[in-house]
Amino acid sequence: VPFGVTYVKIGTIQRRLAWPLHKDDTLFQSGRPTGLNIYCFFFTLYFIFASRGPLRSAPQSSGHGS
């Protein structure tokens, strides 16, 4: 998968996750933590690494060698 296509997919997911956060902005002003923003950040990182593939297949090749 070309990096550009993956980047566009990530951007679409970020927009879907960020839109509800705008509705909750008044709740953040009332003292709620911004943990959701951190969660979205790690979810994006997970999506990037999961879409690469080789990271998941590496442990399988190591275990199969023995």
C-alpha atoms as a PDB file:
ATOM      1  CA  VAL A   1       0.000   0.000   0.000  1.00  0.00           C
ATOM      2  CA  PRO A   2       1.495   3.366  -0.975  1.00  0.00           C
ATOM      3  CA  PHE A   3       2.342   5.580   1.987  1.00  0.00           C
ATOM      4  CA  GLY A   4       0.216   8.378   0.551  1.00  0.00           C
ATOM      5  CA  VAL A   5      -2.912   6.209   0.528  1.00  0.00           C
ATOM      6  CA  THR A   6      -2.273   5.065   4.100  1.00  0.00           C
ATOM      7  CA  TYR A   7      -1.763   8.668   5.169  1.00  0.00           C
ATOM      8  CA  VAL A   8      -5.104   9.656   3.641  1.00  0.00           C
ATOM      9  CA  LYS A   9      -6.826   6.805   5.508  1.00  0.00           C
ATOM     10  CA  ILE A  10      -5.261   7.960   8.781  1.00  0.00           C
ATOM     11  CA  GLY A  11      -6.425  11.504   8.100  1.00  0.00           C
ATOM     12  CA  THR A  12      -9.982  10.282   7.547  1.00  0.00           C
ATOM     13  CA  ILE A  13      -9.949   8.321  10.814  1.00  0.00           C
ATOM     14  CA  GLN A  14      -8.547  11.331  12.672  1.00  0.00           C
ATOM     15  CA  ARG A  15     -11.387  13.484  11.349  1.00  0.00           C
ATOM     16  CA  ARG A  16     -13.982  10.917  12.429  1.00  0.00           C
ATOM     17  CA  LEU A  17     -12.468  10.757  15.914  1.00  0.00           C
ATOM     18  CA  ALA A  18     -11.882  14.502  16.221  1.00  0.00           C
ATOM     19  CA  TRP A  19     -15.410  15.592  15.267  1.00  0.00           C
ATOM     20  CA  PRO A  20     -17.109  14.236  18.430  1.00  0.00           C
ATOM     21  CA  LEU A  21     -14.344  15.842  20.496  1.00  0.00           C
ATOM     22  CA  HIS A  22     -15.503  19.259  19.306  1.00  0.00           C
ATOM     23  CA  LYS A  23     -18.934  18.547  20.787  1.00  0.00           C
ATOM     24  CA  ASP A  24     -17.273  17.573  24.095  1.00  0.00           C
ATOM     25  CA  ASP A  25     -15.174  20.730  24.180  1.00  0.00           C
ATOM     26  CA  THR A  26     -17.489  22.308  26.758  1.00  0.00           C
ATOM     27  CA  LEU A  27     -16.892  19.313  29.018  1.00  0.00           C
ATOM     28  CA  PHE A  28     -13.132  19.796  28.738  1.00  0.00           C
ATOM     29  CA  GLN A  29     -13.580  23.435  29.782  1.00  0.00           C
ATOM     30  CA  SER A  30     -15.399  22.282  32.911  1.00  0.00           C
ATOM     31  CA  GLY A  31     -12.309  20.440  34.121  1.00  0.00           C
ATOM     32  CA  ARG A  32     -12.321  17.052  32.394  1.00  0.00           C
ATOM     33  CA  PRO A  33      -8.888  15.670  31.463  1.00  0.00           C
ATOM     34  CA  THR A  34      -7.813  15.592  27.824  1.00  0.00           C
ATOM     35  CA  GLY A  35      -7.117  11.863  27.960  1.00  0.00           C
ATOM     36  CA  LEU A  36      -9.198  11.292  24.833  1.00  0.00           C
ATOM     37  CA  ASN A  37      -6.716  13.322  22.804  1.00  0.00           C
ATOM     38  CA  ILE A  38      -3.874  11.093  24.023  1.00  0.00           C
ATOM     39  CA  TYR A  39      -5.961   8.001  23.236  1.00  0.00           C
ATOM     40  CA  CYS A  40      -6.541   9.211  19.678  1.00  0.00           C
ATOM     41  CA  PHE A  41      -2.809   9.832  19.307  1.00  0.00           C
ATOM     42  CA  PHE A  42      -1.880   6.299  20.367  1.00  0.00           C
ATOM     43  CA  PHE A  43      -4.682   4.830  18.249  1.00  0.00           C
ATOM     44  CA  THR A  44      -3.198   6.602  15.241  1.00  0.00           C
ATOM     45  CA  LEU A  45       0.263   5.237  16.040  1.00  0.00           C
ATOM     46  CA  TYR A  46      -1.185   1.728  16.417  1.00  0.00           C
ATOM     47  CA  PHE A  47      -2.942   2.044  13.059  1.00  0.00           C
ATOM     48  CA  ILE A  48       0.308   3.096  11.378  1.00  0.00           C
ATOM     49  CA  PHE A  49       2.301   0.168  12.799  1.00  0.00           C
ATOM     50  CA  ALA A  50      -0.506  -2.355  12.259  1.00  0.00           C
ATOM     51  CA  SER A  51      -0.830  -1.367   8.599  1.00  0.00           C
ATOM     52  CA  ARG A  52       2.865  -2.057   7.964  1.00  0.00           C
ATOM     53  CA  GLY A  53       2.543  -5.813   8.443  1.00  0.00           C
ATOM     54  CA  PRO A  54       6.177  -7.015   8.776  1.00  0.00           C
ATOM     55  CA  LEU A  55       6.210  -6.109  12.466  1.00  0.00           C
ATOM     56  CA  ARG A  56       3.528  -8.726  13.103  1.00  0.00           C
ATOM     57  CA  SER A  57       5.139 -11.453  10.995  1.00  0.00           C
ATOM     58  CA  ALA A  58       8.646 -11.031  12.479  1.00  0.00           C
ATOM     59  CA  PRO A  59       7.992 -13.023  15.717  1.00  0.00           C
ATOM     60  CA  GLN A  60       6.442 -15.850  13.681  1.00  0.00           C
ATOM     61  CA  SER A  61       9.554 -16.293  11.538  1.00  0.00           C
ATOM     62  CA  SER A  62      11.778 -16.286  14.649  1.00  0.00           C
ATOM     63  CA  GLY A  63       9.724 -18.962  16.435  1.00  0.00           C
ATOM     64  CA  HIS A  64       9.465 -21.102  13.306  1.00  0.00           C
ATOM     65  CA  GLY A  65      13.246 -21.200  12.894  1.00  0.00           C
ATOM     66  CA  SER A  66      13.763 -23.214  16.078  1.00  0.00           C
END
